[in-house]
C-alpha cells in the first residue's frame, strides 16, 4: 500500500468542498472540480 503524503487535498473554493452548486431551484455539479469537492490539481499522485 502506498504511504499517504502529508498534504491534504485542498477544498474547491467554488463549491466549498461540496461538489454541488445551487442554481435557482436546481442542484448542479460544480464545473470547476467536476463534483469531487477538491481543488483541481490538488490530487495526490503516486
Protein backbone atom coordinates (compact mmCIF):
# COMPACT_ATOMS: atom_id res chain seq x y z
CA UNK A 1 0.00 0.00 0.00
CA UNK A 2 1.37 3.44 -0.88
CA UNK A 3 2.14 5.72 2.01
CA UNK A 4 -0.14 8.80 2.04
CA UNK A 5 1.63 12.10 1.61
CA UNK A 6 1.41 14.75 4.31
CA UNK A 7 -0.53 17.21 2.15
CA UNK A 8 -4.31 17.04 2.42
CA UNK A 9 -6.36 17.74 -0.68
CA UNK A 10 -7.47 21.37 -0.95
CA UNK A 11 -11.20 22.08 -0.97
CA UNK A 12 -12.69 23.64 -4.08
CA UNK A 13 -13.41 27.32 -3.42
CA UNK A 14 -16.25 27.38 -5.96
CA UNK A 15 -18.49 24.86 -4.15
CA UNK A 16 -16.76 24.93 -0.71
CA UNK A 17 -15.94 21.23 -0.89
CA UNK A 18 -19.49 20.05 -1.50
CA UNK A 19 -19.21 19.24 -5.21
CA UNK A 20 -22.68 20.68 -5.87
CA UNK A 21 -23.90 24.21 -6.51
CA UNK A 22 -27.40 25.63 -6.22
CA UNK A 23 -28.59 27.30 -9.40
CA UNK A 24 -32.09 28.59 -8.78
CA UNK A 25 -34.09 25.57 -7.59
CA UNK A 26 -31.68 23.05 -9.13
CA UNK A 27 -28.52 21.47 -7.77
CA UNK A 28 -25.79 21.11 -10.38
CA UNK A 29 -22.35 19.53 -10.28
CA UNK A 30 -19.53 22.01 -9.77
CA UNK A 31 -17.85 22.76 -13.12
CA UNK A 32 -14.53 23.72 -11.55
CA UNK A 33 -13.86 20.49 -9.64
CA UNK A 34 -16.14 18.15 -11.58
CA UNK A 35 -18.18 17.27 -8.49
CA UNK A 36 -15.29 15.94 -6.40
CA UNK A 37 -15.26 18.85 -3.95
CA UNK A 38 -11.47 19.18 -4.17
CA UNK A 39 -9.44 21.82 -5.96
CA UNK A 40 -8.32 20.72 -9.45
CA UNK A 41 -4.62 19.87 -9.49
CA UNK A 42 -4.50 19.06 -5.78
CA UNK A 43 -4.96 15.32 -6.28
CA UNK A 44 -2.34 13.04 -4.82
CA UNK A 45 -0.02 11.46 -7.39
CA UNK A 46 1.96 8.27 -6.90
